[in-house]
Amino acid sequence: MTRAALHRCAVSVSLFVGYPHTSRSATIDDLLRAYPAALARFDGTSLVWRDGTTMPVSDGRLDKSMQEQLRNGSILDQLRLSYPAGEPPLSAPSDDPGRIRNKAFFDKMYGDCKSGRVAAELVPVVWLPKTWGHLIRITSVNGVDRHLAAISRELDELPASDKKYLYPSGGTYACRSVADTGQTSMHAWGAAIDINPTQSDYWMWNRSAGGLPGYINRVPLRIVWVFEQHGFIWGGRWAHYDSMHFEYRPELLGKQISPE
């Protein structure tokens, strides 16, 4: 390794001294702790929601490929991949922790965007009040709006060289599907934000006939740290990388996110 490469690695690692690293598969207990207002308990086979609805956590299939899980994942499938919070991605990610989403679970939690229920729960948040000051709309379910407002205030204290990655925002709520899988986007549930797309990277912009392109990221990891501290995971930790994308998934971070 060259001297310049060693220096870059040392700088990257130094940013994460004291950062709370977690790298383990999430559990049903993590899910219950993450969404206490919605989920009451687990009866051994099904989640029991506060309104009495039950939902099986497994579809009985343990042999699904990653592509099958991305298109038709169970609740257990969406918890299996370990999300490496706090770890600097010094090499390309090998999987997509958090990209598997069970549609029935999130439709129950946030609503089907086509029914109008998601839009009814959207509230305004001022993004970077000292720097940009534009309103974005995000769901109020699970206090996602309060968490994002806290993130916004913290990010607004970063140096100007970091804030260029944060605005203008690439968007929050959009009733749409994920481009490559056809499954519901977290944006359709109003629980995701894209930061500045012109300073970010997305695997589909760089793909070729050979498959996944090489990993690219320009977003400073201290920005990622702020989001993760408030329950948002980062698309830059996916092999199918989407470095502008953050979504509210506190169950994958292994802790309950207290209300703001």
C-alpha atoms as a PDB file:
ATOM      1  CA  MET A   1       0.000   0.000   0.000  1.00  0.00           C
ATOM      2  CA  THR A   2       1.315   3.443  -0.882  1.00  0.00           C
ATOM      3  CA  ARG A   3       2.046   6.126   1.718  1.00  0.00           C
ATOM      4  CA  ALA A   4      -0.891   8.205   0.388  1.00  0.00           C
ATOM      5  CA  ALA A   5      -3.269   5.240   0.698  1.00  0.00           C
ATOM      6  CA  LEU A   6      -2.114   4.546   4.249  1.00  0.00           C
ATOM      7  CA  HIS A   7      -2.724   8.175   5.132  1.00  0.00           C
ATOM      8  CA  ARG A   8      -6.272   8.079   3.718  1.00  0.00           C
ATOM      9  CA  CYS A   9      -7.054   4.951   5.725  1.00  0.00           C
ATOM     10  CA  ALA A  10      -5.671   6.505   8.918  1.00  0.00           C
ATOM     11  CA  VAL A  11      -7.803   9.613   8.455  1.00  0.00           C
ATOM     12  CA  SER A  12     -10.927   7.533   7.788  1.00  0.00           C
ATOM     13  CA  VAL A  13     -10.369   5.390  10.872  1.00  0.00           C
ATOM     14  CA  SER A  14      -9.632   8.408  13.082  1.00  0.00           C
ATOM     15  CA  LEU A  15     -13.065   9.849  12.314  1.00  0.00           C
ATOM     16  CA  PHE A  16     -14.632   6.867  14.059  1.00  0.00           C
ATOM     17  CA  VAL A  17     -12.690   6.770  17.335  1.00  0.00           C
ATOM     18  CA  GLY A  18     -15.362   6.577  20.026  1.00  0.00           C
ATOM     19  CA  TYR A  19     -18.145   5.853  17.530  1.00  0.00           C
ATOM     20  CA  PRO A  20     -20.557   3.155  18.800  1.00  0.00           C
ATOM     21  CA  HIS A  21     -20.024   0.312  16.341  1.00  0.00           C
ATOM     22  CA  THR A  22     -22.739  -2.331  15.934  1.00  0.00           C
ATOM     23  CA  SER A  23     -22.641  -5.225  13.503  1.00  0.00           C
ATOM     24  CA  ARG A  24     -25.162  -7.976  14.209  1.00  0.00           C
ATOM     25  CA  SER A  25     -28.436  -9.269  12.851  1.00  0.00           C
ATOM     26  CA  ALA A  26     -31.491  -7.543  14.285  1.00  0.00           C
ATOM     27  CA  THR A  27     -34.054  -9.562  16.248  1.00  0.00           C
ATOM     28  CA  ILE A  28     -37.790  -9.482  16.854  1.00  0.00           C
ATOM     29  CA  ASP A  29     -37.006  -7.886  20.236  1.00  0.00           C
ATOM     30  CA  ASP A  30     -35.234  -5.062  18.365  1.00  0.00           C
ATOM     31  CA  LEU A  31     -38.358  -4.622  16.273  1.00  0.00           C
ATOM     32  CA  LEU A  32     -40.584  -4.406  19.356  1.00  0.00           C
ATOM     33  CA  ARG A  33     -38.257  -1.879  21.008  1.00  0.00           C
ATOM     34  CA  ALA A  34     -38.064   0.233  17.864  1.00  0.00           C
ATOM     35  CA  TYR A  35     -41.830   0.629  17.399  1.00  0.00           C
ATOM     36  CA  PRO A  36     -43.428   0.446  20.869  1.00  0.00           C
ATOM     37  CA  ALA A  37     -46.433   2.596  19.907  1.00  0.00           C
ATOM     38  CA  ALA A  38     -47.375   0.188  17.105  1.00  0.00           C
ATOM     39  CA  LEU A  39     -46.284  -3.280  18.254  1.00  0.00           C
ATOM     40  CA  ALA A  40     -47.536  -4.962  21.425  1.00  0.00           C
ATOM     41  CA  ARG A  41     -45.736  -8.309  21.525  1.00  0.00           C
ATOM     42  CA  PHE A  42     -44.549 -11.419  19.700  1.00  0.00           C
ATOM     43  CA  ASP A  43     -46.542 -14.609  20.312  1.00  0.00           C
ATOM     44  CA  GLY A  44     -43.893 -16.999  19.001  1.00  0.00           C
ATOM     45  CA  THR A  45     -44.960 -16.985  15.367  1.00  0.00           C
ATOM     46  CA  SER A  46     -46.625 -13.624  14.766  1.00  0.00           C
ATOM     47  CA  LEU A  47     -46.283  -9.967  15.675  1.00  0.00           C
ATOM     48  CA  VAL A  48     -49.254  -8.674  17.627  1.00  0.00           C
ATOM     49  CA  TRP A  49     -50.045  -5.055  16.846  1.00  0.00           C
ATOM     50  CA  ARG A  50     -51.573  -2.679  19.390  1.00  0.00           C
ATOM     51  CA  ASP A  51     -54.912  -2.838  17.574  1.00  0.00           C
ATOM     52  CA  GLY A  52     -54.970  -6.646  17.906  1.00  0.00           C
ATOM     53  CA  THR A  53     -53.909  -7.404  14.332  1.00  0.00           C
ATOM     54  CA  THR A  54     -51.505 -10.343  14.006  1.00  0.00           C
ATOM     55  CA  MET A  55     -48.874 -10.738  11.315  1.00  0.00           C
ATOM     56  CA  PRO A  56     -46.656 -13.825  10.778  1.00  0.00           C
ATOM     57  CA  VAL A  57     -42.951 -13.031  10.804  1.00  0.00           C
ATOM     58  CA  SER A  58     -41.936 -15.891   8.498  1.00  0.00           C
ATOM     59  CA  ASP A  59     -43.234 -17.208   5.190  1.00  0.00           C
ATOM     60  CA  GLY A  60     -41.655 -20.594   5.924  1.00  0.00           C
ATOM     61  CA  ARG A  61     -39.017 -20.264   3.227  1.00  0.00           C
ATOM     62  CA  LEU A  62     -35.370 -20.316   4.242  1.00  0.00           C
ATOM     63  CA  ASP A  63     -33.930 -20.920   0.769  1.00  0.00           C
ATOM     64  CA  LYS A  64     -34.782 -17.640  -0.946  1.00  0.00           C
ATOM     65  CA  SER A  65     -32.096 -15.912  -2.961  1.00  0.00           C
ATOM     66  CA  MET A  66     -31.268 -12.283  -2.250  1.00  0.00           C
ATOM     67  CA  GLN A  67     -33.243 -11.244  -5.319  1.00  0.00           C
ATOM     68  CA  GLU A  68     -36.289 -13.157  -4.055  1.00  0.00           C
ATOM     69  CA  GLN A  69     -35.954 -11.541  -0.628  1.00  0.00           C
ATOM     70  CA  LEU A  70     -35.709  -8.074  -2.193  1.00  0.00           C
ATOM     71  CA  ARG A  71     -38.910  -8.717  -4.138  1.00  0.00           C
ATOM     72  CA  ASN A  72     -40.871 -10.740  -1.586  1.00  0.00           C
ATOM     73  CA  GLY A  73     -39.161 -10.548   1.792  1.00  0.00           C
ATOM     74  CA  SER A  74     -40.738 -11.685   5.048  1.00  0.00           C
ATOM     75  CA  ILE A  75     -40.426  -9.757   8.299  1.00  0.00           C
ATOM     76  CA  LEU A  76     -37.610 -12.087   9.363  1.00  0.00           C
ATOM     77  CA  ASP A  77     -35.885 -11.606   6.008  1.00  0.00           C
ATOM     78  CA  GLN A  78     -35.706  -7.857   6.543  1.00  0.00           C
ATOM     79  CA  LEU A  79     -33.900  -8.393   9.859  1.00  0.00           C
ATOM     80  CA  ARG A  80     -31.331 -11.015   8.822  1.00  0.00           C
ATOM     81  CA  LEU A  81     -28.586  -8.898   7.273  1.00  0.00           C
ATOM     82  CA  SER A  82     -26.330  -7.178   9.765  1.00  0.00           C
ATOM     83  CA  TYR A  83     -26.267  -3.394   9.412  1.00  0.00           C
ATOM     84  CA  PRO A  84     -22.713  -2.164  10.232  1.00  0.00           C
ATOM     85  CA  ALA A  85     -23.514   1.084  12.037  1.00  0.00           C
ATOM     86  CA  GLY A  86     -20.418   3.112  12.825  1.00  0.00           C
ATOM     87  CA  GLU A  87     -18.067   1.138  10.636  1.00  0.00           C
ATOM     88  CA  PRO A  88     -16.211   3.167   7.992  1.00  0.00           C
ATOM     89  CA  PRO A  89     -16.767   1.468   4.609  1.00  0.00           C
ATOM     90  CA  LEU A  90     -13.091   1.070   3.724  1.00  0.00           C
ATOM     91  CA  SER A  91     -14.046  -1.608   1.202  1.00  0.00           C
ATOM     92  CA  ALA A  92     -17.120  -2.179  -0.967  1.00  0.00           C
ATOM     93  CA  PRO A  93     -20.194  -3.514   0.872  1.00  0.00           C
ATOM     94  CA  SER A  94     -21.031  -7.118   0.010  1.00  0.00           C
ATOM     95  CA  ASP A  95     -24.784  -7.048   0.736  1.00  0.00           C
ATOM     96  CA  ASP A  96     -27.751  -4.705   1.242  1.00  0.00           C
ATOM     97  CA  PRO A  97     -28.643  -4.514   4.974  1.00  0.00           C
ATOM     98  CA  GLY A  98     -31.993  -2.777   5.296  1.00  0.00           C
ATOM     99  CA  ARG A  99     -32.883  -2.878   1.615  1.00  0.00           C
ATOM    100  CA  ILE A 100     -35.212  -5.861   2.165  1.00  0.00           C
ATOM    101  CA  ARG A 101     -38.608  -4.563   3.291  1.00  0.00           C
ATOM    102  CA  ASN A 102     -41.792  -6.487   4.004  1.00  0.00           C
ATOM    103  CA  LYS A 103     -44.582  -4.518   2.310  1.00  0.00           C
ATOM    104  CA  ALA A 104     -47.375  -5.735   4.598  1.00  0.00           C
ATOM    105  CA  PHE A 105     -45.415  -4.643   7.681  1.00  0.00           C
ATOM    106  CA  PHE A 106     -44.699  -1.125   6.439  1.00  0.00           C
ATOM    107  CA  ASP A 107     -48.161  -0.683   4.892  1.00  0.00           C
ATOM    108  CA  LYS A 108     -49.603  -1.509   8.304  1.00  0.00           C
ATOM    109  CA  MET A 109     -47.186   0.866  10.022  1.00  0.00           C
ATOM    110  CA  TYR A 110     -47.408   3.880   7.695  1.00  0.00           C
ATOM    111  CA  GLY A 111     -50.255   3.148   5.257  1.00  0.00           C
ATOM    112  CA  ASP A 112     -50.537   2.479   1.534  1.00  0.00           C
ATOM    113  CA  CYS A 113     -49.593   5.698  -0.256  1.00  0.00           C
ATOM    114  CA  LYS A 114     -52.201   5.027  -2.939  1.00  0.00           C
ATOM    115  CA  SER A 115     -54.971   5.185  -0.318  1.00  0.00           C
ATOM    116  CA  GLY A 116     -54.028   8.681   0.888  1.00  0.00           C
ATOM    117  CA  ARG A 117     -53.243   7.503   4.416  1.00  0.00           C
ATOM    118  CA  VAL A 118     -49.510   8.264   4.147  1.00  0.00           C
ATOM    119  CA  ALA A 119     -50.079  11.788   2.836  1.00  0.00           C
ATOM    120  CA  ALA A 120     -52.448  12.495   5.746  1.00  0.00           C
ATOM    121  CA  GLU A 121     -49.607  11.884   8.227  1.00  0.00           C
ATOM    122  CA  LEU A 122     -47.006  14.089   6.511  1.00  0.00           C
ATOM    123  CA  VAL A 123     -45.852  17.201   8.364  1.00  0.00           C
ATOM    124  CA  PRO A 124     -43.387  19.963   7.425  1.00  0.00           C
ATOM    125  CA  VAL A 125     -39.811  20.058   8.720  1.00  0.00           C
ATOM    126  CA  VAL A 126     -37.431  22.921   8.021  1.00  0.00           C
ATOM    127  CA  TRP A 127     -34.309  21.379   6.489  1.00  0.00           C
ATOM    128  CA  LEU A 128     -31.107  23.119   7.641  1.00  0.00           C
ATOM    129  CA  PRO A 129     -32.825  26.200   9.144  1.00  0.00           C
ATOM    130  CA  LYS A 130     -29.611  28.246   9.347  1.00  0.00           C
ATOM    131  CA  THR A 131     -28.302  27.285   5.914  1.00  0.00           C
ATOM    132  CA  TRP A 132     -31.063  26.361   3.463  1.00  0.00           C
ATOM    133  CA  GLY A 133     -34.325  26.838   5.353  1.00  0.00           C
ATOM    134  CA  HIS A 134     -36.682  25.036   2.955  1.00  0.00           C
ATOM    135  CA  LEU A 135     -39.641  22.928   4.069  1.00  0.00           C
ATOM    136  CA  ILE A 136     -39.654  19.202   3.416  1.00  0.00           C
ATOM    137  CA  ARG A 137     -42.510  16.816   4.257  1.00  0.00           C
ATOM    138  CA  ILE A 138     -41.992  13.656   6.272  1.00  0.00           C
ATOM    139  CA  THR A 139     -44.252  11.259   8.174  1.00  0.00           C
ATOM    140  CA  SER A 140     -45.160  12.024  11.785  1.00  0.00           C
ATOM    141  CA  VAL A 141     -45.727   8.300  12.506  1.00  0.00           C
ATOM    142  CA  ASN A 142     -43.191   7.000  15.068  1.00  0.00           C
ATOM    143  CA  GLY A 143     -42.025  10.600  15.558  1.00  0.00           C
ATOM    144  CA  VAL A 144     -39.993  10.399  12.349  1.00  0.00           C
ATOM    145  CA  ASP A 145     -40.536  14.139  11.812  1.00  0.00           C
ATOM    146  CA  ARG A 146     -39.074  14.959  15.237  1.00  0.00           C
ATOM    147  CA  HIS A 147     -36.056  12.746  14.648  1.00  0.00           C
ATOM    148  CA  LEU A 148     -35.419  14.339  11.265  1.00  0.00           C
ATOM    149  CA  ALA A 149     -35.776  17.837  12.747  1.00  0.00           C
ATOM    150  CA  ALA A 150     -33.137  16.943  15.352  1.00  0.00           C
ATOM    151  CA  ILE A 151     -30.855  15.617  12.601  1.00  0.00           C
ATOM    152  CA  SER A 152     -31.365  18.836  10.658  1.00  0.00           C
ATOM    153  CA  ARG A 153     -30.330  20.980  13.629  1.00  0.00           C
ATOM    154  CA  GLU A 154     -27.193  18.917  14.241  1.00  0.00           C
ATOM    155  CA  LEU A 155     -26.169  18.872  10.589  1.00  0.00           C
ATOM    156  CA  ASP A 156     -26.644  22.633  10.428  1.00  0.00           C
ATOM    157  CA  GLU A 157     -23.673  22.978  12.810  1.00  0.00           C
ATOM    158  CA  LEU A 158     -21.267  21.161  10.475  1.00  0.00           C
ATOM    159  CA  PRO A 159     -18.694  23.068   8.405  1.00  0.00           C
ATOM    160  CA  ALA A 160     -19.836  24.533   5.082  1.00  0.00           C
ATOM    161  CA  SER A 161     -17.635  22.006   3.276  1.00  0.00           C
ATOM    162  CA  ASP A 162     -19.876  19.239   4.662  1.00  0.00           C
ATOM    163  CA  LYS A 163     -23.204  20.980   4.161  1.00  0.00           C
ATOM    164  CA  LYS A 164     -22.884  21.077   0.371  1.00  0.00           C
ATOM    165  CA  TYR A 165     -23.776  17.373   0.473  1.00  0.00           C
ATOM    166  CA  LEU A 166     -27.033  18.081   2.293  1.00  0.00           C
ATOM    167  CA  TYR A 167     -28.913  20.556   0.131  1.00  0.00           C
ATOM    168  CA  PRO A 168     -30.867  21.029  -1.964  1.00  0.00           C
ATOM    169  CA  SER A 169     -32.646  17.907  -0.795  1.00  0.00           C
ATOM    170  CA  GLY A 170     -33.351  15.219  -3.366  1.00  0.00           C
ATOM    171  CA  GLY A 171     -36.788  14.639  -1.830  1.00  0.00           C
ATOM    172  CA  THR A 172     -38.692  12.860   0.911  1.00  0.00           C
ATOM    173  CA  TYR A 173     -42.224  11.559   0.275  1.00  0.00           C
ATOM    174  CA  ALA A 174     -42.929  10.075  -3.156  1.00  0.00           C
ATOM    175  CA  CYS A 175     -45.550   7.413  -3.879  1.00  0.00           C
ATOM    176  CA  ARG A 176     -43.306   5.207  -6.015  1.00  0.00           C
ATOM    177  CA  SER A 177     -41.492   1.901  -6.309  1.00  0.00           C
ATOM    178  CA  VAL A 178     -37.784   1.044  -6.198  1.00  0.00           C
ATOM    179  CA  ALA A 179     -36.365   1.183  -9.720  1.00  0.00           C
ATOM    180  CA  ASP A 180     -34.733  -2.240  -9.947  1.00  0.00           C
ATOM    181  CA  THR A 181     -36.967  -4.402  -7.732  1.00  0.00           C
ATOM    182  CA  GLY A 182     -40.391  -2.885  -8.401  1.00  0.00           C
ATOM    183  CA  GLN A 183     -41.150  -3.040  -4.673  1.00  0.00           C
ATOM    184  CA  THR A 184     -42.395  -0.143  -2.555  1.00  0.00           C
ATOM    185  CA  SER A 185     -39.831   2.519  -1.796  1.00  0.00           C
ATOM    186  CA  MET A 186     -39.404   3.756   1.775  1.00  0.00           C
ATOM    187  CA  HIS A 187     -40.125   7.186   0.282  1.00  0.00           C
ATOM    188  CA  ALA A 188     -43.671   5.949  -0.417  1.00  0.00           C
ATOM    189  CA  TRP A 189     -44.179   5.520   3.330  1.00  0.00           C
ATOM    190  CA  GLY A 190     -42.864   9.028   3.994  1.00  0.00           C
ATOM    191  CA  ALA A 191     -39.977   7.747   6.134  1.00  0.00           C
ATOM    192  CA  ALA A 192     -36.954   8.519   3.938  1.00  0.00           C
ATOM    193  CA  ILE A 193     -34.943  11.483   2.722  1.00  0.00           C
ATOM    194  CA  ASP A 194     -32.465  11.916  -0.117  1.00  0.00           C
ATOM    195  CA  ILE A 195     -29.784  14.526   0.430  1.00  0.00           C
ATOM    196  CA  ASN A 196     -28.135  16.453  -2.431  1.00  0.00           C
ATOM    197  CA  PRO A 197     -28.105  14.091  -5.458  1.00  0.00           C
ATOM    198  CA  THR A 198     -25.410  16.084  -7.272  1.00  0.00           C
ATOM    199  CA  GLN A 199     -22.953  15.295  -4.459  1.00  0.00           C
ATOM    200  CA  SER A 200     -24.011  11.647  -4.109  1.00  0.00           C
ATOM    201  CA  ASP A 201     -23.667   8.389  -6.005  1.00  0.00           C
ATOM    202  CA  TYR A 202     -26.172   5.724  -7.056  1.00  0.00           C
ATOM    203  CA  TRP A 203     -25.254   2.318  -8.415  1.00  0.00           C
ATOM    204  CA  MET A 204     -27.710   2.483 -11.327  1.00  0.00           C
ATOM    205  CA  TRP A 205     -26.016   5.635 -12.653  1.00  0.00           C
ATOM    206  CA  ASN A 206     -22.770   3.700 -13.022  1.00  0.00           C
ATOM    207  CA  ARG A 207     -23.871   0.177 -13.923  1.00  0.00           C
ATOM    208  CA  SER A 208     -22.794  -1.648 -17.028  1.00  0.00           C
ATOM    209  CA  ALA A 209     -23.512  -4.966 -18.681  1.00  0.00           C
ATOM    210  CA  GLY A 210     -21.007  -6.509 -16.289  1.00  0.00           C
ATOM    211  CA  GLY A 211     -23.301  -6.101 -13.277  1.00  0.00           C
ATOM    212  CA  LEU A 212     -22.741  -4.014 -10.156  1.00  0.00           C
ATOM    213  CA  PRO A 213     -20.290  -1.128 -10.633  1.00  0.00           C
ATOM    214  CA  GLY A 214     -17.423  -0.443  -8.267  1.00  0.00           C
ATOM    215  CA  TYR A 215     -18.385   1.157  -4.970  1.00  0.00           C
ATOM    216  CA  ILE A 216     -18.342   4.976  -4.925  1.00  0.00           C
ATOM    217  CA  ASN A 217     -19.036   7.356  -2.051  1.00  0.00           C
ATOM    218  CA  ARG A 218     -18.361  11.053  -1.546  1.00  0.00           C
ATOM    219  CA  VAL A 219     -20.630  11.721   1.455  1.00  0.00           C
ATOM    220  CA  PRO A 220     -18.595  12.459   4.634  1.00  0.00           C
ATOM    221  CA  LEU A 221     -19.119   9.748   7.213  1.00  0.00           C
ATOM    222  CA  ARG A 222     -19.734  12.251  10.027  1.00  0.00           C
ATOM    223  CA  ILE A 223     -23.006  13.080   8.220  1.00  0.00           C
ATOM    224  CA  VAL A 224     -23.905   9.380   8.283  1.00  0.00           C
ATOM    225  CA  TRP A 225     -23.090   9.254  12.014  1.00  0.00           C
ATOM    226  CA  VAL A 226     -25.665  11.950  12.789  1.00  0.00           C
ATOM    227  CA  PHE A 227     -28.414  10.135  10.883  1.00  0.00           C
ATOM    228  CA  GLU A 228     -27.611   6.771  12.472  1.00  0.00           C
ATOM    229  CA  GLN A 229     -27.700   8.248  15.966  1.00  0.00           C
ATOM    230  CA  HIS A 230     -31.345   9.152  15.335  1.00  0.00           C
ATOM    231  CA  GLY A 231     -32.481   5.832  13.863  1.00  0.00           C
ATOM    232  CA  PHE A 232     -31.850   6.333  10.142  1.00  0.00           C
ATOM    233  CA  ILE A 233     -29.851   3.838   8.100  1.00  0.00           C
ATOM    234  CA  TRP A 234     -27.774   4.849   5.072  1.00  0.00           C
ATOM    235  CA  GLY A 235     -27.977   3.547   1.501  1.00  0.00           C
ATOM    236  CA  GLY A 236     -24.220   4.012   1.219  1.00  0.00           C
ATOM    237  CA  ARG A 237     -23.836   0.811   3.260  1.00  0.00           C
ATOM    238  CA  TRP A 238     -25.404  -1.237   0.452  1.00  0.00           C
ATOM    239  CA  ALA A 239     -23.672  -3.093  -2.359  1.00  0.00           C
ATOM    240  CA  HIS A 240     -26.425  -1.527  -4.501  1.00  0.00           C
ATOM    241  CA  TYR A 241     -25.238   1.782  -3.108  1.00  0.00           C
ATOM    242  CA  ASP A 242     -27.433   4.874  -2.899  1.00  0.00           C
ATOM    243  CA  SER A 243     -25.357   7.352  -0.933  1.00  0.00           C
ATOM    244  CA  MET A 244     -27.963  10.142  -0.970  1.00  0.00           C
ATOM    245  CA  HIS A 245     -30.561   7.905   0.726  1.00  0.00           C
ATOM    246  CA  PHE A 246     -31.436   7.672   4.435  1.00  0.00           C
ATOM    247  CA  GLU A 247     -34.471   5.883   5.880  1.00  0.00           C
ATOM    248  CA  TYR A 248     -35.901   5.469   9.378  1.00  0.00           C
ATOM    249  CA  ARG A 249     -35.134   1.880  10.473  1.00  0.00           C
ATOM    250  CA  PRO A 250     -34.170   1.986  14.181  1.00  0.00           C
ATOM    251  CA  GLU A 251     -34.667  -1.776  14.569  1.00  0.00           C
ATOM    252  CA  LEU A 252     -31.490  -2.345  12.523  1.00  0.00           C
ATOM    253  CA  LEU A 253     -29.447  -0.161  14.847  1.00  0.00           C
ATOM    254  CA  GLY A 254     -30.089  -2.381  17.862  1.00  0.00           C
ATOM    255  CA  LYS A 255     -31.567   0.211  20.186  1.00  0.00           C
ATOM    256  CA  GLN A 256     -34.735   2.056  20.991  1.00  0.00           C
ATOM    257  CA  ILE A 257     -34.712   5.610  19.700  1.00  0.00           C
ATOM    258  CA  SER A 258     -36.182   7.822  22.407  1.00  0.00           C
ATOM    259  CA  PRO A 259     -38.687  10.535  21.414  1.00  0.00           C
ATOM    260  CA  GLU A 260     -37.277  13.994  20.706  1.00  0.00           C
END
